[in-house]
């Protein structure tokens, strides 16, 4: 029972850490900015909804694929030696988030190479259809992979340790947590918040978001070490 609770907590914590990353929100703001100047509000809402579905789809697919790979290669659970490497990567990512996830200065620019950032910006500007919006959501999710892939692996490993009936549910919960910020942003805009207001909030709270995200990676590393490495020895 204790192990089930710890695996549930690890999945939830991993989803929370995933949610603190900002590329999905940044790309959605670009989509909003480009769409509101060209389309009626109903069309913009459709594009945003499909963007969210695209992001959620690729996240769920990644967790499911990682679960399958871990099941095939490690017979259901990664061994302590591999998990020790995972812990090291989580700590390295925590330091990376604190150091350079956000570019320094009075902006909310992220770590992305300029060519990638320009490509995402261009795709947001050119998005006209629901299919393109869905693809943009997938693109934003994929571009964040250097930070999220290890989270997906950790979540998948803990999901496989749960009873079969809970596994699909936890994939869904992890996916929901990962896209919750962009869902909240969509609701906020519909309730009257402007894109400028949201961007000002992100800029004002950039350092707080940096600390929370980096701390999340670090705490997750401690839990994996305690329950999945030391607890398995």
C-alpha atoms as a PDB file:
ATOM      1  CA  UNK A   1       0.000   0.000   0.000  1.00  0.00           C
ATOM      2  CA  UNK A   2       2.844   2.399   0.842  1.00  0.00           C
ATOM      3  CA  UNK A   3       4.503   1.721  -2.513  1.00  0.00           C
ATOM      4  CA  UNK A   4       1.228   2.333  -4.363  1.00  0.00           C
ATOM      5  CA  UNK A   5       0.818   5.642  -2.550  1.00  0.00           C
ATOM      6  CA  UNK A   6       4.395   6.658  -3.334  1.00  0.00           C
ATOM      7  CA  UNK A   7       3.944   5.795  -7.027  1.00  0.00           C
ATOM      8  CA  UNK A   8       0.700   7.759  -7.154  1.00  0.00           C
ATOM      9  CA  UNK A   9       2.433  10.730  -5.564  1.00  0.00           C
ATOM     10  CA  UNK A  10       5.372  10.503  -7.980  1.00  0.00           C
ATOM     11  CA  UNK A  11       3.016  10.537 -10.972  1.00  0.00           C
ATOM     12  CA  UNK A  12       1.117  13.538  -9.595  1.00  0.00           C
ATOM     13  CA  UNK A  13       4.328  15.387  -8.722  1.00  0.00           C
ATOM     14  CA  UNK A  14       5.758  14.660 -12.162  1.00  0.00           C
ATOM     15  CA  UNK A  15       2.605  16.036 -13.788  1.00  0.00           C
ATOM     16  CA  UNK A  16       2.879  19.163 -11.643  1.00  0.00           C
ATOM     17  CA  UNK A  17       6.524  19.688 -12.636  1.00  0.00           C
ATOM     18  CA  UNK A  18       5.569  19.225 -16.289  1.00  0.00           C
ATOM     19  CA  UNK A  19       2.891  21.886 -15.831  1.00  0.00           C
ATOM     20  CA  UNK A  20       5.416  24.451 -14.556  1.00  0.00           C
ATOM     21  CA  UNK A  21       7.241  24.500 -17.889  1.00  0.00           C
ATOM     22  CA  UNK A  22       6.317  27.446 -20.061  1.00  0.00           C
ATOM     23  CA  UNK A  23       6.763  26.603 -23.728  1.00  0.00           C
ATOM     24  CA  UNK A  24       3.170  25.444 -24.154  1.00  0.00           C
ATOM     25  CA  UNK A  25       1.851  28.706 -22.724  1.00  0.00           C
ATOM     26  CA  UNK A  26       4.288  30.781 -24.773  1.00  0.00           C
ATOM     27  CA  UNK A  27       3.249  29.131 -28.056  1.00  0.00           C
ATOM     28  CA  UNK A  28      -0.425  29.484 -27.164  1.00  0.00           C
ATOM     29  CA  UNK A  29       0.024  33.191 -26.499  1.00  0.00           C
ATOM     30  CA  UNK A  30       1.589  33.518 -29.942  1.00  0.00           C
ATOM     31  CA  UNK A  31      -1.397  31.705 -31.450  1.00  0.00           C
ATOM     32  CA  UNK A  32      -3.830  33.965 -29.602  1.00  0.00           C
ATOM     33  CA  UNK A  33      -1.946  37.074 -30.675  1.00  0.00           C
ATOM     34  CA  UNK A  34      -1.918  36.049 -34.336  1.00  0.00           C
ATOM     35  CA  UNK A  35      -5.481  34.718 -34.435  1.00  0.00           C
ATOM     36  CA  UNK A  36      -7.292  37.550 -32.655  1.00  0.00           C
ATOM     37  CA  UNK A  37      -6.156  39.959 -35.336  1.00  0.00           C
ATOM     38  CA  UNK A  38      -7.444  37.795 -38.199  1.00  0.00           C
ATOM     39  CA  UNK A  39     -10.429  35.769 -37.022  1.00  0.00           C
ATOM     40  CA  UNK A  40     -13.668  36.161 -35.137  1.00  0.00           C
ATOM     41  CA  UNK A  41     -13.584  35.033 -31.521  1.00  0.00           C
ATOM     42  CA  UNK A  42     -15.371  31.749 -32.271  1.00  0.00           C
ATOM     43  CA  UNK A  43     -12.669  30.749 -34.768  1.00  0.00           C
ATOM     44  CA  UNK A  44      -9.954  31.670 -32.291  1.00  0.00           C
ATOM     45  CA  UNK A  45     -11.588  29.507 -29.626  1.00  0.00           C
ATOM     46  CA  UNK A  46     -11.646  26.573 -32.037  1.00  0.00           C
ATOM     47  CA  UNK A  47      -7.972  27.009 -32.863  1.00  0.00           C
ATOM     48  CA  UNK A  48      -7.028  27.245 -29.188  1.00  0.00           C
ATOM     49  CA  UNK A  49      -9.091  24.172 -28.301  1.00  0.00           C
ATOM     50  CA  UNK A  50      -7.385  22.144 -31.015  1.00  0.00           C
ATOM     51  CA  UNK A  51      -3.992  23.425 -29.877  1.00  0.00           C
ATOM     52  CA  UNK A  52      -4.721  22.083 -26.386  1.00  0.00           C
ATOM     53  CA  UNK A  53      -5.880  18.740 -27.797  1.00  0.00           C
ATOM     54  CA  UNK A  54      -2.699  18.471 -29.871  1.00  0.00           C
ATOM     55  CA  UNK A  55      -0.512  19.141 -26.858  1.00  0.00           C
ATOM     56  CA  UNK A  56      -2.455  16.674 -24.700  1.00  0.00           C
ATOM     57  CA  UNK A  57      -2.466  14.006 -27.424  1.00  0.00           C
ATOM     58  CA  UNK A  58       1.314  13.984 -27.818  1.00  0.00           C
ATOM     59  CA  UNK A  59       1.816  13.987 -24.050  1.00  0.00           C
ATOM     60  CA  UNK A  60      -0.494  10.999 -23.576  1.00  0.00           C
ATOM     61  CA  UNK A  61       1.148   9.237 -26.502  1.00  0.00           C
ATOM     62  CA  UNK A  62       4.610   9.841 -25.052  1.00  0.00           C
ATOM     63  CA  UNK A  63       3.637   8.473 -21.619  1.00  0.00           C
ATOM     64  CA  UNK A  64       1.983   5.428 -23.195  1.00  0.00           C
ATOM     65  CA  UNK A  65       4.980   4.767 -25.455  1.00  0.00           C
ATOM     66  CA  UNK A  66       7.426   5.155 -22.558  1.00  0.00           C
ATOM     67  CA  UNK A  67       5.341   2.734 -20.487  1.00  0.00           C
ATOM     68  CA  UNK A  68       5.407   0.167 -23.299  1.00  0.00           C
ATOM     69  CA  UNK A  69       9.167   0.496 -23.783  1.00  0.00           C
ATOM     70  CA  UNK A  70       9.866   0.173 -20.052  1.00  0.00           C
ATOM     71  CA  UNK A  71       7.566  -2.859 -19.860  1.00  0.00           C
ATOM     72  CA  UNK A  72       9.328  -4.568 -22.774  1.00  0.00           C
ATOM     73  CA  UNK A  73      12.925  -3.742 -21.853  1.00  0.00           C
ATOM     74  CA  UNK A  74      12.786  -3.822 -18.046  1.00  0.00           C
ATOM     75  CA  UNK A  75       9.840  -6.198 -17.544  1.00  0.00           C
ATOM     76  CA  UNK A  76       7.762  -3.480 -15.919  1.00  0.00           C
ATOM     77  CA  UNK A  77      10.181  -1.551 -13.680  1.00  0.00           C
ATOM     78  CA  UNK A  78      13.520   0.110 -14.294  1.00  0.00           C
ATOM     79  CA  UNK A  79      16.274  -1.220 -12.062  1.00  0.00           C
ATOM     80  CA  UNK A  80      17.910   0.923  -9.331  1.00  0.00           C
ATOM     81  CA  UNK A  81      21.054   1.513 -11.381  1.00  0.00           C
ATOM     82  CA  UNK A  82      19.090   3.074 -14.250  1.00  0.00           C
ATOM     83  CA  UNK A  83      16.940   5.048 -11.817  1.00  0.00           C
ATOM     84  CA  UNK A  84      20.084   6.433 -10.184  1.00  0.00           C
ATOM     85  CA  UNK A  85      21.014   7.891 -13.575  1.00  0.00           C
ATOM     86  CA  UNK A  86      17.480   9.277 -13.844  1.00  0.00           C
ATOM     87  CA  UNK A  87      17.911  10.993 -10.465  1.00  0.00           C
ATOM     88  CA  UNK A  88      21.130  12.574 -11.691  1.00  0.00           C
ATOM     89  CA  UNK A  89      19.395  13.863 -14.816  1.00  0.00           C
ATOM     90  CA  UNK A  90      16.566  15.346 -12.724  1.00  0.00           C
ATOM     91  CA  UNK A  91      19.070  17.200 -10.542  1.00  0.00           C
ATOM     92  CA  UNK A  92      20.894  18.448 -13.653  1.00  0.00           C
ATOM     93  CA  UNK A  93      17.605  19.688 -15.102  1.00  0.00           C
ATOM     94  CA  UNK A  94      16.746  21.432 -11.835  1.00  0.00           C
ATOM     95  CA  UNK A  95      20.021  23.342 -12.086  1.00  0.00           C
ATOM     96  CA  UNK A  96      19.383  24.016 -15.783  1.00  0.00           C
ATOM     97  CA  UNK A  97      15.950  25.483 -15.061  1.00  0.00           C
ATOM     98  CA  UNK A  98      17.420  27.782 -12.445  1.00  0.00           C
ATOM     99  CA  UNK A  99      20.328  28.751 -14.688  1.00  0.00           C
ATOM    100  CA  UNK A 100      19.033  29.190 -18.226  1.00  0.00           C
ATOM    101  CA  UNK A 101      15.495  27.905 -18.853  1.00  0.00           C
ATOM    102  CA  UNK A 102      14.412  31.534 -18.963  1.00  0.00           C
ATOM    103  CA  UNK A 103      16.780  33.832 -20.794  1.00  0.00           C
ATOM    104  CA  UNK A 104      18.031  36.600 -18.542  1.00  0.00           C
ATOM    105  CA  UNK A 105      16.617  40.080 -19.017  1.00  0.00           C
ATOM    106  CA  UNK A 106      13.203  41.707 -19.034  1.00  0.00           C
ATOM    107  CA  UNK A 107      11.466  39.182 -21.247  1.00  0.00           C
ATOM    108  CA  UNK A 108       9.873  35.757 -21.063  1.00  0.00           C
ATOM    109  CA  UNK A 109      12.058  34.270 -23.801  1.00  0.00           C
ATOM    110  CA  UNK A 110      12.920  30.650 -23.149  1.00  0.00           C
ATOM    111  CA  UNK A 111      15.976  28.478 -23.688  1.00  0.00           C
ATOM    112  CA  UNK A 112      15.031  27.492 -27.254  1.00  0.00           C
ATOM    113  CA  UNK A 113      17.572  28.024 -30.039  1.00  0.00           C
ATOM    114  CA  UNK A 114      16.629  31.085 -32.068  1.00  0.00           C
ATOM    115  CA  UNK A 115      15.885  29.038 -35.196  1.00  0.00           C
ATOM    116  CA  UNK A 116      13.418  26.824 -33.309  1.00  0.00           C
ATOM    117  CA  UNK A 117      11.765  29.786 -31.594  1.00  0.00           C
ATOM    118  CA  UNK A 118      11.385  31.560 -34.944  1.00  0.00           C
ATOM    119  CA  UNK A 119       9.879  28.438 -36.513  1.00  0.00           C
ATOM    120  CA  UNK A 120       7.268  28.110 -33.739  1.00  0.00           C
ATOM    121  CA  UNK A 121       6.497  31.818 -34.011  1.00  0.00           C
ATOM    122  CA  UNK A 122       6.060  31.511 -37.776  1.00  0.00           C
ATOM    123  CA  UNK A 123       3.796  28.465 -37.466  1.00  0.00           C
ATOM    124  CA  UNK A 124       1.634  30.296 -34.914  1.00  0.00           C
ATOM    125  CA  UNK A 125       1.283  33.246 -37.278  1.00  0.00           C
ATOM    126  CA  UNK A 126       0.381  31.028 -40.238  1.00  0.00           C
ATOM    127  CA  UNK A 127      -2.058  28.748 -38.413  1.00  0.00           C
ATOM    128  CA  UNK A 128      -5.455  29.006 -40.090  1.00  0.00           C
ATOM    129  CA  UNK A 129      -7.123  25.619 -39.634  1.00  0.00           C
ATOM    130  CA  UNK A 130      -7.941  23.325 -36.736  1.00  0.00           C
ATOM    131  CA  UNK A 131      -5.528  20.729 -38.114  1.00  0.00           C
ATOM    132  CA  UNK A 132      -2.685  23.246 -38.175  1.00  0.00           C
ATOM    133  CA  UNK A 133      -3.547  24.307 -34.639  1.00  0.00           C
ATOM    134  CA  UNK A 134      -3.550  20.687 -33.479  1.00  0.00           C
ATOM    135  CA  UNK A 135      -0.133  20.245 -35.107  1.00  0.00           C
ATOM    136  CA  UNK A 136       1.148  23.421 -33.415  1.00  0.00           C
ATOM    137  CA  UNK A 137       0.138  21.983 -30.038  1.00  0.00           C
ATOM    138  CA  UNK A 138       2.085  18.823 -30.841  1.00  0.00           C
ATOM    139  CA  UNK A 139       5.058  20.900 -32.004  1.00  0.00           C
ATOM    140  CA  UNK A 140       5.153  22.900 -28.762  1.00  0.00           C
ATOM    141  CA  UNK A 141       4.982  19.666 -26.768  1.00  0.00           C
ATOM    142  CA  UNK A 142       7.774  18.093 -28.842  1.00  0.00           C
ATOM    143  CA  UNK A 143      10.020  21.158 -28.607  1.00  0.00           C
ATOM    144  CA  UNK A 144       9.899  20.945 -24.787  1.00  0.00           C
ATOM    145  CA  UNK A 145      11.121  17.326 -24.909  1.00  0.00           C
ATOM    146  CA  UNK A 146      14.650  18.010 -23.552  1.00  0.00           C
ATOM    147  CA  UNK A 147      12.973  18.903 -20.241  1.00  0.00           C
ATOM    148  CA  UNK A 148       9.848  16.751 -20.343  1.00  0.00           C
ATOM    149  CA  UNK A 149      11.173  13.432 -21.648  1.00  0.00           C
ATOM    150  CA  UNK A 150      12.718  12.454 -18.321  1.00  0.00           C
ATOM    151  CA  UNK A 151       9.453  13.431 -16.601  1.00  0.00           C
ATOM    152  CA  UNK A 152       7.531  11.168 -18.969  1.00  0.00           C
ATOM    153  CA  UNK A 153       9.936   8.298 -18.202  1.00  0.00           C
ATOM    154  CA  UNK A 154       9.600   8.769 -14.442  1.00  0.00           C
ATOM    155  CA  UNK A 155       5.808   8.949 -14.690  1.00  0.00           C
ATOM    156  CA  UNK A 156       5.625   5.875 -16.938  1.00  0.00           C
ATOM    157  CA  UNK A 157       7.810   3.843 -14.585  1.00  0.00           C
ATOM    158  CA  UNK A 158       5.591   4.667 -11.602  1.00  0.00           C
ATOM    159  CA  UNK A 159       2.392   4.113 -13.595  1.00  0.00           C
ATOM    160  CA  UNK A 160       3.539   0.574 -14.423  1.00  0.00           C
ATOM    161  CA  UNK A 161       3.948  -0.128 -10.699  1.00  0.00           C
ATOM    162  CA  UNK A 162       0.253   0.593 -10.106  1.00  0.00           C
ATOM    163  CA  UNK A 163      -2.634  -1.877 -10.400  1.00  0.00           C
ATOM    164  CA  UNK A 164      -3.826  -2.324 -13.984  1.00  0.00           C
ATOM    165  CA  UNK A 165      -7.106  -0.550 -13.324  1.00  0.00           C
ATOM    166  CA  UNK A 166      -5.298   2.602 -12.243  1.00  0.00           C
ATOM    167  CA  UNK A 167      -2.777   2.793 -15.064  1.00  0.00           C
ATOM    168  CA  UNK A 168      -4.993   4.274 -17.780  1.00  0.00           C
ATOM    169  CA  UNK A 169      -6.515   6.673 -15.256  1.00  0.00           C
ATOM    170  CA  UNK A 170      -3.093   7.932 -14.184  1.00  0.00           C
ATOM    171  CA  UNK A 171      -2.009   8.455 -17.802  1.00  0.00           C
ATOM    172  CA  UNK A 172      -5.110  10.612 -18.206  1.00  0.00           C
ATOM    173  CA  UNK A 173      -4.455  12.494 -14.946  1.00  0.00           C
ATOM    174  CA  UNK A 174      -0.815  13.119 -15.844  1.00  0.00           C
ATOM    175  CA  UNK A 175      -1.887  14.442 -19.254  1.00  0.00           C
ATOM    176  CA  UNK A 176      -4.519  16.688 -17.683  1.00  0.00           C
ATOM    177  CA  UNK A 177      -2.014  18.107 -15.199  1.00  0.00           C
ATOM    178  CA  UNK A 178       0.492  18.804 -17.958  1.00  0.00           C
ATOM    179  CA  UNK A 179      -1.985  20.884 -19.983  1.00  0.00           C
ATOM    180  CA  UNK A 180      -3.814  22.432 -17.030  1.00  0.00           C
ATOM    181  CA  UNK A 181      -1.997  25.811 -17.285  1.00  0.00           C
ATOM    182  CA  UNK A 182      -3.016  26.290 -20.929  1.00  0.00           C
ATOM    183  CA  UNK A 183      -6.588  25.262 -20.085  1.00  0.00           C
ATOM    184  CA  UNK A 184      -6.618  27.827 -17.266  1.00  0.00           C
ATOM    185  CA  UNK A 185      -5.239  30.440 -19.641  1.00  0.00           C
ATOM    186  CA  UNK A 186      -7.978  29.701 -22.171  1.00  0.00           C
ATOM    187  CA  UNK A 187     -10.626  30.097 -19.463  1.00  0.00           C
ATOM    188  CA  UNK A 188      -9.007  33.329 -18.229  1.00  0.00           C
ATOM    189  CA  UNK A 189      -9.096  34.842 -21.715  1.00  0.00           C
ATOM    190  CA  UNK A 190     -12.721  33.831 -22.134  1.00  0.00           C
ATOM    191  CA  UNK A 191     -13.510  35.483 -18.778  1.00  0.00           C
ATOM    192  CA  UNK A 192     -12.046  38.770 -19.940  1.00  0.00           C
ATOM    193  CA  UNK A 193      -8.306  38.650 -19.295  1.00  0.00           C
ATOM    194  CA  UNK A 194      -6.251  39.994 -22.204  1.00  0.00           C
ATOM    195  CA  UNK A 195      -3.146  38.473 -23.732  1.00  0.00           C
ATOM    196  CA  UNK A 196      -1.230  41.548 -22.563  1.00  0.00           C
ATOM    197  CA  UNK A 197      -2.390  40.967 -18.961  1.00  0.00           C
ATOM    198  CA  UNK A 198      -1.255  37.352 -19.037  1.00  0.00           C
ATOM    199  CA  UNK A 199       2.104  38.236 -20.572  1.00  0.00           C
ATOM    200  CA  UNK A 200       2.667  40.939 -17.937  1.00  0.00           C
ATOM    201  CA  UNK A 201       1.883  38.383 -15.215  1.00  0.00           C
ATOM    202  CA  UNK A 202       4.390  35.925 -16.700  1.00  0.00           C
ATOM    203  CA  UNK A 203       7.067  38.607 -16.853  1.00  0.00           C
ATOM    204  CA  UNK A 204       6.383  39.805 -13.310  1.00  0.00           C
ATOM    205  CA  UNK A 205       6.462  36.264 -11.893  1.00  0.00           C
ATOM    206  CA  UNK A 206       9.258  34.869 -14.064  1.00  0.00           C
ATOM    207  CA  UNK A 207      11.678  34.350 -11.188  1.00  0.00           C
ATOM    208  CA  UNK A 208       8.979  32.728  -9.055  1.00  0.00           C
ATOM    209  CA  UNK A 209       8.109  30.318 -11.883  1.00  0.00           C
ATOM    210  CA  UNK A 210      11.809  29.584 -12.360  1.00  0.00           C
ATOM    211  CA  UNK A 211      12.216  28.697  -8.674  1.00  0.00           C
ATOM    212  CA  UNK A 212       9.048  26.584  -8.511  1.00  0.00           C
ATOM    213  CA  UNK A 213       9.952  24.609 -11.630  1.00  0.00           C
ATOM    214  CA  UNK A 214      13.550  23.973 -10.610  1.00  0.00           C
ATOM    215  CA  UNK A 215      12.477  23.056  -7.086  1.00  0.00           C
ATOM    216  CA  UNK A 216       9.935  20.646  -8.555  1.00  0.00           C
ATOM    217  CA  UNK A 217      12.635  18.802 -10.499  1.00  0.00           C
ATOM    218  CA  UNK A 218      14.808  18.649  -7.388  1.00  0.00           C
ATOM    219  CA  UNK A 219      12.036  17.369  -5.088  1.00  0.00           C
ATOM    220  CA  UNK A 220      11.066  14.779  -7.691  1.00  0.00           C
ATOM    221  CA  UNK A 221      14.672  13.587  -7.762  1.00  0.00           C
ATOM    222  CA  UNK A 222      14.594  13.143  -3.983  1.00  0.00           C
ATOM    223  CA  UNK A 223      11.372  11.122  -4.113  1.00  0.00           C
ATOM    224  CA  UNK A 224      12.618   8.864  -6.898  1.00  0.00           C
ATOM    225  CA  UNK A 225      15.836   8.316  -4.959  1.00  0.00           C
ATOM    226  CA  UNK A 226      14.017   7.579  -1.716  1.00  0.00           C
ATOM    227  CA  UNK A 227      11.199   5.355  -2.966  1.00  0.00           C
ATOM    228  CA  UNK A 228      12.432   3.858  -6.234  1.00  0.00           C
ATOM    229  CA  UNK A 229      16.185   3.515  -5.674  1.00  0.00           C
ATOM    230  CA  UNK A 230      16.829   3.157  -1.955  1.00  0.00           C
ATOM    231  CA  UNK A 231      13.421   1.576  -1.404  1.00  0.00           C
ATOM    232  CA  UNK A 232      14.184  -1.093  -4.012  1.00  0.00           C
ATOM    233  CA  UNK A 233      17.610  -1.999  -2.640  1.00  0.00           C
END
